[in-house]
């Protein structure tokens, strides 16, 4: 399976899983109300904890989750 992903998509299955989880988290942030907990969001989206989510989102987007949330709320 690993070789099929690399050949067909160009990335490993684990990388696809990480990217998809980040995308789901960003989508969930768009629907989040202002009083919601980022820690709860992290657990709901399958991250180990909030720090794990913070790191993953920063790697993908270049923004800390709070800044990302504010930019999504404006758009």
PDB file of N, CA and C in Angstrom:
ATOM      1  N   UNK A   1       0.826  -1.187   0.000  1.00  0.00           N
ATOM      2  CA  UNK A   1       0.000   0.000   0.000  1.00  0.00           C
ATOM      3  C   UNK A   1       0.873   1.255   0.000  1.00  0.00           C
ATOM      4  N   UNK A   2       1.917   1.221   0.785  1.00  0.00           N
ATOM      5  CA  UNK A   2       2.823   2.361   0.861  1.00  0.00           C
ATOM      6  C   UNK A   2       3.371   2.701  -0.529  1.00  0.00           C
ATOM      7  N   UNK A   3       3.828   1.692  -1.247  1.00  0.00           N
ATOM      8  CA  UNK A   3       4.383   1.929  -2.591  1.00  0.00           C
ATOM      9  C   UNK A   3       3.319   2.442  -3.554  1.00  0.00           C
ATOM     10  N   UNK A   4       2.086   1.941  -3.434  1.00  0.00           N
ATOM     11  CA  UNK A   4       1.009   2.412  -4.300  1.00  0.00           C
ATOM     12  C   UNK A   4       0.717   3.896  -4.066  1.00  0.00           C
ATOM     13  N   UNK A   5       0.701   4.303  -2.808  1.00  0.00           N
ATOM     14  CA  UNK A   5       0.494   5.716  -2.492  1.00  0.00           C
ATOM     15  C   UNK A   5       1.632   6.560  -3.060  1.00  0.00           C
ATOM     16  N   UNK A   6       2.851   6.109  -2.824  1.00  0.00           N
ATOM     17  CA  UNK A   6       3.991   6.879  -3.316  1.00  0.00           C
ATOM     18  C   UNK A   6       3.956   7.005  -4.827  1.00  0.00           C
ATOM     19  N   UNK A   7       3.629   5.926  -5.499  1.00  0.00           N
ATOM     20  CA  UNK A   7       3.584   5.941  -6.959  1.00  0.00           C
ATOM     21  C   UNK A   7       2.381   6.731  -7.477  1.00  0.00           C
ATOM     22  N   UNK A   8       1.218   6.529  -6.904  1.00  0.00           N
ATOM     23  CA  UNK A   8      -0.004   7.153  -7.403  1.00  0.00           C
ATOM     24  C   UNK A   8      -0.212   8.588  -6.980  1.00  0.00           C
ATOM     25  N   UNK A   9       0.133   8.902  -5.732  1.00  0.00           N
ATOM     26  CA  UNK A   9      -0.138  10.230  -5.180  1.00  0.00           C
ATOM     27  C   UNK A   9       1.145  11.034  -5.005  1.00  0.00           C
ATOM     28  N   UNK A  10       2.226  10.330  -4.739  1.00  0.00           N
ATOM     29  CA  UNK A  10       3.497  11.010  -4.554  1.00  0.00           C
ATOM     30  C   UNK A  10       3.888  11.227  -3.105  1.00  0.00           C
ATOM     31  N   UNK A  11       3.031  10.807  -2.178  1.00  0.00           N
ATOM     32  CA  UNK A  11       3.339  10.924  -0.750  1.00  0.00           C
ATOM     33  C   UNK A  11       2.908   9.654  -0.037  1.00  0.00           C
ATOM     34  N   UNK A  12       3.437   9.462   1.146  1.00  0.00           N
ATOM     35  CA  UNK A  12       3.124   8.274   1.944  1.00  0.00           C
ATOM     36  C   UNK A  12       1.716   8.379   2.539  1.00  0.00           C
ATOM     37  N   UNK A  13       1.085   7.230   2.837  1.00  0.00           N
ATOM     38  CA  UNK A  13      -0.254   7.245   3.432  1.00  0.00           C
ATOM     39  C   UNK A  13      -0.319   8.025   4.746  1.00  0.00           C
ATOM     40  N   UNK A  14       0.719   7.938   5.543  1.00  0.00           N
ATOM     41  CA  UNK A  14       0.715   8.654   6.820  1.00  0.00           C
ATOM     42  C   UNK A  14       0.682  10.168   6.604  1.00  0.00           C
ATOM     43  N   UNK A  15       1.350  10.640   5.568  1.00  0.00           N
ATOM     44  CA  UNK A  15       1.344  12.073   5.257  1.00  0.00           C
ATOM     45  C   UNK A  15      -0.053  12.508   4.787  1.00  0.00           C
ATOM     46  N   UNK A  16      -0.694  11.674   3.972  1.00  0.00           N
ATOM     47  CA  UNK A  16      -2.059  11.969   3.525  1.00  0.00           C
ATOM     48  C   UNK A  16      -2.989  12.059   4.730  1.00  0.00           C
ATOM     49  N   UNK A  17      -2.831  11.143   5.669  1.00  0.00           N
ATOM     50  CA  UNK A  17      -3.660  11.140   6.881  1.00  0.00           C
ATOM     51  C   UNK A  17      -3.451  12.417   7.685  1.00  0.00           C
ATOM     52  N   UNK A  18      -2.204  12.855   7.838  1.00  0.00           N
ATOM     53  CA  UNK A  18      -1.902  14.076   8.587  1.00  0.00           C
ATOM     54  C   UNK A  18      -2.492  15.308   7.903  1.00  0.00           C
ATOM     55  N   UNK A  19      -2.352  15.372   6.583  1.00  0.00           N
ATOM     56  CA  UNK A  19      -2.882  16.510   5.833  1.00  0.00           C
ATOM     57  C   UNK A  19      -4.399  16.559   5.956  1.00  0.00           C
ATOM     58  N   UNK A  20      -5.038  15.409   5.811  1.00  0.00           N
ATOM     59  CA  UNK A  20      -6.503  15.352   5.893  1.00  0.00           C
ATOM     60  C   UNK A  20      -7.004  15.752   7.280  1.00  0.00           C
ATOM     61  N   UNK A  21      -6.293  15.331   8.329  1.00  0.00           N
ATOM     62  CA  UNK A  21      -6.701  15.703   9.691  1.00  0.00           C
ATOM     63  C   UNK A  21      -6.578  17.209   9.887  1.00  0.00           C
ATOM     64  N   UNK A  22      -5.524  17.795   9.346  1.00  0.00           N
ATOM     65  CA  UNK A  22      -5.369  19.252   9.438  1.00  0.00           C
ATOM     66  C   UNK A  22      -6.485  19.964   8.692  1.00  0.00           C
ATOM     67  N   UNK A  23      -6.840  19.460   7.523  1.00  0.00           N
ATOM     68  CA  UNK A  23      -7.931  20.066   6.756  1.00  0.00           C
ATOM     69  C   UNK A  23      -9.250  19.987   7.524  1.00  0.00           C
ATOM     70  N   UNK A  24      -9.524  18.825   8.135  1.00  0.00           N
ATOM     71  CA  UNK A  24     -10.758  18.670   8.927  1.00  0.00           C
ATOM     72  C   UNK A  24     -10.767  19.646  10.099  1.00  0.00           C
ATOM     73  N   UNK A  25      -9.604  19.846  10.714  1.00  0.00           N
ATOM     74  CA  UNK A  25      -9.507  20.758  11.855  1.00  0.00           C
ATOM     75  C   UNK A  25      -9.796  22.191  11.429  1.00  0.00           C
ATOM     76  N   UNK A  26      -9.257  22.596  10.301  1.00  0.00           N
ATOM     77  CA  UNK A  26      -9.518  23.945   9.795  1.00  0.00           C
ATOM     78  C   UNK A  26     -10.997  24.105   9.459  1.00  0.00           C
ATOM     79  N   UNK A  27     -11.595  23.095   8.850  1.00  0.00           N
ATOM     80  CA  UNK A  27     -13.035  23.141   8.566  1.00  0.00           C
ATOM     81  C   UNK A  27     -13.848  23.256   9.851  1.00  0.00           C
ATOM     82  N   UNK A  28     -13.450  22.516  10.880  1.00  0.00           N
ATOM     83  CA  UNK A  28     -14.144  22.570  12.167  1.00  0.00           C
ATOM     84  C   UNK A  28     -13.981  23.942  12.812  1.00  0.00           C
ATOM     85  N   UNK A  29     -12.812  24.566  12.634  1.00  0.00           N
ATOM     86  CA  UNK A  29     -12.594  25.905  13.189  1.00  0.00           C
ATOM     87  C   UNK A  29     -13.537  26.920  12.564  1.00  0.00           C
ATOM     88  N   UNK A  30     -13.854  26.737  11.295  1.00  0.00           N
ATOM     89  CA  UNK A  30     -14.773  27.660  10.622  1.00  0.00           C
ATOM     90  C   UNK A  30     -16.157  27.627  11.269  1.00  0.00           C
ATOM     91  N   UNK A  31     -16.532  26.495  11.834  1.00  0.00           N
ATOM     92  CA  UNK A  31     -17.862  26.320  12.434  1.00  0.00           C
ATOM     93  C   UNK A  31     -17.859  26.542  13.942  1.00  0.00           C
ATOM     94  N   UNK A  32     -16.703  26.789  14.509  1.00  0.00           N
ATOM     95  CA  UNK A  32     -16.536  26.899  15.953  1.00  0.00           C
ATOM     96  C   UNK A  32     -17.086  28.229  16.461  1.00  0.00           C
ATOM     97  N   UNK A  33     -17.789  28.186  17.589  1.00  0.00           N
ATOM     98  CA  UNK A  33     -18.220  29.448  18.178  1.00  0.00           C
ATOM     99  C   UNK A  33     -17.093  30.021  19.031  1.00  0.00           C
ATOM    100  N   UNK A  34     -17.191  31.284  19.349  1.00  0.00           N
ATOM    101  CA  UNK A  34     -16.080  31.985  19.999  1.00  0.00           C
ATOM    102  C   UNK A  34     -15.766  31.472  21.398  1.00  0.00           C
ATOM    103  N   UNK A  35     -16.698  30.812  22.063  1.00  0.00           N
ATOM    104  CA  UNK A  35     -16.450  30.330  23.414  1.00  0.00           C
ATOM    105  C   UNK A  35     -15.931  28.905  23.479  1.00  0.00           C
ATOM    106  N   UNK A  36     -15.730  28.285  22.336  1.00  0.00           N
ATOM    107  CA  UNK A  36     -15.310  26.885  22.307  1.00  0.00           C
ATOM    108  C   UNK A  36     -13.851  26.726  22.718  1.00  0.00           C
ATOM    109  N   UNK A  37     -13.554  25.585  23.241  1.00  0.00           N
ATOM    110  CA  UNK A  37     -12.211  25.278  23.716  1.00  0.00           C
ATOM    111  C   UNK A  37     -11.363  24.664  22.598  1.00  0.00           C
ATOM    112  N   UNK A  38     -10.172  25.213  22.409  1.00  0.00           N
ATOM    113  CA  UNK A  38      -9.240  24.651  21.423  1.00  0.00           C
ATOM    114  C   UNK A  38      -8.772  23.265  21.865  1.00  0.00           C
ATOM    115  N   UNK A  39      -8.684  23.052  23.167  1.00  0.00           N
ATOM    116  CA  UNK A  39      -8.282  21.732  23.674  1.00  0.00           C
ATOM    117  C   UNK A  39      -9.323  20.684  23.306  1.00  0.00           C
ATOM    118  N   UNK A  40     -10.607  21.040  23.438  1.00  0.00           N
ATOM    119  CA  UNK A  40     -11.674  20.114  23.063  1.00  0.00           C
ATOM    120  C   UNK A  40     -11.652  19.838  21.561  1.00  0.00           C
ATOM    121  N   UNK A  41     -11.417  20.874  20.780  1.00  0.00           N
ATOM    122  CA  UNK A  41     -11.334  20.708  19.334  1.00  0.00           C
ATOM    123  C   UNK A  41     -10.193  19.750  18.970  1.00  0.00           C
ATOM    124  N   UNK A  42      -9.063  19.913  19.640  1.00  0.00           N
ATOM    125  CA  UNK A  42      -7.904  19.055  19.368  1.00  0.00           C
ATOM    126  C   UNK A  42      -8.250  17.585  19.590  1.00  0.00           C
ATOM    127  N   UNK A  43      -8.889  17.290  20.695  1.00  0.00           N
ATOM    128  CA  UNK A  43      -9.254  15.907  21.009  1.00  0.00           C
ATOM    129  C   UNK A  43     -10.298  15.388  20.019  1.00  0.00           C
ATOM    130  N   UNK A  44     -11.290  16.216  19.695  1.00  0.00           N
ATOM    131  CA  UNK A  44     -12.339  15.807  18.755  1.00  0.00           C
ATOM    132  C   UNK A  44     -11.769  15.485  17.373  1.00  0.00           C
ATOM    133  N   UNK A  45     -10.707  16.168  16.983  1.00  0.00           N
ATOM    134  CA  UNK A  45     -10.125  15.967  15.657  1.00  0.00           C
ATOM    135  C   UNK A  45      -9.014  14.914  15.644  1.00  0.00           C
ATOM    136  N   UNK A  46      -8.789  14.268  16.776  1.00  0.00           N
ATOM    137  CA  UNK A  46      -7.869  13.137  16.803  1.00  0.00           C
ATOM    138  C   UNK A  46      -6.430  13.453  17.149  1.00  0.00           C
ATOM    139  N   UNK A  47      -6.179  14.647  17.651  1.00  0.00           N
ATOM    140  CA  UNK A  47      -4.828  14.979  18.091  1.00  0.00           C
ATOM    141  C   UNK A  47      -4.639  14.474  19.519  1.00  0.00           C
ATOM    142  N   UNK A  48      -3.393  14.237  19.900  1.00  0.00           N
ATOM    143  CA  UNK A  48      -3.089  13.754  21.241  1.00  0.00           C
ATOM    144  C   UNK A  48      -3.485  14.785  22.290  1.00  0.00           C
ATOM    145  N   UNK A  49      -3.169  16.052  22.009  1.00  0.00           N
ATOM    146  CA  UNK A  49      -3.526  17.144  22.909  1.00  0.00           C
ATOM    147  C   UNK A  49      -3.471  18.462  22.135  1.00  0.00           C
ATOM    148  N   UNK A  50      -3.725  19.546  22.812  1.00  0.00           N
ATOM    149  CA  UNK A  50      -3.756  20.849  22.148  1.00  0.00           C
ATOM    150  C   UNK A  50      -2.386  21.230  21.599  1.00  0.00           C
ATOM    151  N   UNK A  51      -1.329  20.904  22.313  1.00  0.00           N
ATOM    152  CA  UNK A  51       0.022  21.230  21.833  1.00  0.00           C
ATOM    153  C   UNK A  51       0.314  20.515  20.517  1.00  0.00           C
ATOM    154  N   UNK A  52      -0.130  19.276  20.403  1.00  0.00           N
ATOM    155  CA  UNK A  52       0.050  18.511  19.167  1.00  0.00           C
ATOM    156  C   UNK A  52      -0.686  19.200  18.020  1.00  0.00           C
ATOM    157  N   UNK A  53      -1.932  19.615  18.256  1.00  0.00           N
ATOM    158  CA  UNK A  53      -2.698  20.326  17.228  1.00  0.00           C
ATOM    159  C   UNK A  53      -2.012  21.635  16.859  1.00  0.00           C
ATOM    160  N   UNK A  54      -1.559  22.376  17.860  1.00  0.00           N
ATOM    161  CA  UNK A  54      -0.887  23.648  17.597  1.00  0.00           C
ATOM    162  C   UNK A  54       0.304  23.452  16.667  1.00  0.00           C
ATOM    163  N   UNK A  55       1.113  22.452  16.963  1.00  0.00           N
ATOM    164  CA  UNK A  55       2.294  22.175  16.144  1.00  0.00           C
ATOM    165  C   UNK A  55       1.905  21.803  14.717  1.00  0.00           C
ATOM    166  N   UNK A  56       0.963  20.898  14.570  1.00  0.00           N
ATOM    167  CA  UNK A  56       0.565  20.434  13.239  1.00  0.00           C
ATOM    168  C   UNK A  56      -0.014  21.573  12.401  1.00  0.00           C
ATOM    169  N   UNK A  57      -0.854  22.406  12.992  1.00  0.00           N
ATOM    170  CA  UNK A  57      -1.446  23.514  12.247  1.00  0.00           C
ATOM    171  C   UNK A  57      -0.401  24.559  11.872  1.00  0.00           C
ATOM    172  N   UNK A  58       0.538  24.797  12.772  1.00  0.00           N
ATOM    173  CA  UNK A  58       1.596  25.762  12.478  1.00  0.00           C
ATOM    174  C   UNK A  58       2.464  25.269  11.322  1.00  0.00           C
ATOM    175  N   UNK A  59       2.746  23.967  11.282  1.00  0.00           N
ATOM    176  CA  UNK A  59       3.537  23.395  10.194  1.00  0.00           C
ATOM    177  C   UNK A  59       2.800  23.554   8.860  1.00  0.00           C
ATOM    178  N   UNK A  60       1.497  23.289   8.857  1.00  0.00           N
ATOM    179  CA  UNK A  60       0.719  23.338   7.623  1.00  0.00           C
ATOM    180  C   UNK A  60       0.451  24.769   7.158  1.00  0.00           C
ATOM    181  N   UNK A  61       0.049  25.633   8.073  1.00  0.00           N
ATOM    182  CA  UNK A  61      -0.443  26.950   7.668  1.00  0.00           C
ATOM    183  C   UNK A  61       0.538  28.087   7.938  1.00  0.00           C
ATOM    184  N   UNK A  62       1.474  27.877   8.862  1.00  0.00           N
ATOM    185  CA  UNK A  62       2.366  28.957   9.257  1.00  0.00           C
ATOM    186  C   UNK A  62       1.771  29.854  10.334  1.00  0.00           C
ATOM    187  N   UNK A  63       0.538  29.539  10.766  1.00  0.00           N
ATOM    188  CA  UNK A  63      -0.154  30.332  11.790  1.00  0.00           C
ATOM    189  C   UNK A  63      -0.366  29.506  13.048  1.00  0.00           C
ATOM    190  N   UNK A  64      -0.325  30.169  14.187  1.00  0.00           N
ATOM    191  CA  UNK A  64      -0.761  29.534  15.425  1.00  0.00           C
ATOM    192  C   UNK A  64      -2.280  29.368  15.333  1.00  0.00           C
ATOM    193  N   UNK A  65      -2.868  28.378  16.004  1.00  0.00           N
ATOM    194  CA  UNK A  65      -4.306  28.150  15.909  1.00  0.00           C
ATOM    195  C   UNK A  65      -5.166  29.370  16.227  1.00  0.00           C
ATOM    196  N   UNK A  66      -4.796  30.152  17.231  1.00  0.00           N
ATOM    197  CA  UNK A  66      -5.599  31.326  17.586  1.00  0.00           C
ATOM    198  C   UNK A  66      -5.599  32.338  16.431  1.00  0.00           C
ATOM    199  N   UNK A  67      -4.438  32.564  15.816  1.00  0.00           N
ATOM    200  CA  UNK A  67      -4.356  33.484  14.680  1.00  0.00           C
ATOM    201  C   UNK A  67      -5.114  32.919  13.479  1.00  0.00           C
ATOM    202  N   UNK A  68      -5.006  31.636  13.285  1.00  0.00           N
ATOM    203  CA  UNK A  68      -5.736  30.984  12.190  1.00  0.00           C
ATOM    204  C   UNK A  68      -7.234  31.126  12.410  1.00  0.00           C
ATOM    205  N   UNK A  69      -7.695  30.899  13.634  1.00  0.00           N
ATOM    206  CA  UNK A  69      -9.118  31.038  13.953  1.00  0.00           C
ATOM    207  C   UNK A  69      -9.604  32.463  13.682  1.00  0.00           C
ATOM    208  N   UNK A  70      -8.816  33.449  14.094  1.00  0.00           N
ATOM    209  CA  UNK A  70      -9.200  34.838  13.854  1.00  0.00           C
ATOM    210  C   UNK A  70      -9.267  35.146  12.359  1.00  0.00           C
ATOM    211  N   UNK A  71      -8.339  34.620  11.574  1.00  0.00           N
ATOM    212  CA  UNK A  71      -8.353  34.883  10.135  1.00  0.00           C
ATOM    213  C   UNK A  71      -9.537  34.189   9.472  1.00  0.00           C
ATOM    214  N   UNK A  72      -9.929  33.024   9.968  1.00  0.00           N
ATOM    215  CA  UNK A  72     -11.096  32.323   9.414  1.00  0.00           C
ATOM    216  C   UNK A  72     -12.385  33.054   9.761  1.00  0.00           C
ATOM    217  N   UNK A  73     -12.439  33.647  10.939  1.00  0.00           N
ATOM    218  CA  UNK A  73     -13.640  34.370  11.378  1.00  0.00           C
ATOM    219  C   UNK A  73     -13.856  35.621  10.544  1.00  0.00           C
ATOM    220  N   UNK A  74     -12.772  36.232  10.080  1.00  0.00           N
ATOM    221  CA  UNK A  74     -12.863  37.445   9.265  1.00  0.00           C
ATOM    222  C   UNK A  74     -13.370  37.112   7.870  1.00  0.00           C
ATOM    223  N   UNK A  75     -12.940  35.974   7.327  1.00  0.00           N
ATOM    224  CA  UNK A  75     -13.312  35.594   5.955  1.00  0.00           C
ATOM    225  C   UNK A  75     -14.660  34.999   5.946  1.00  0.00           C
TER     226      UNK A  75
END
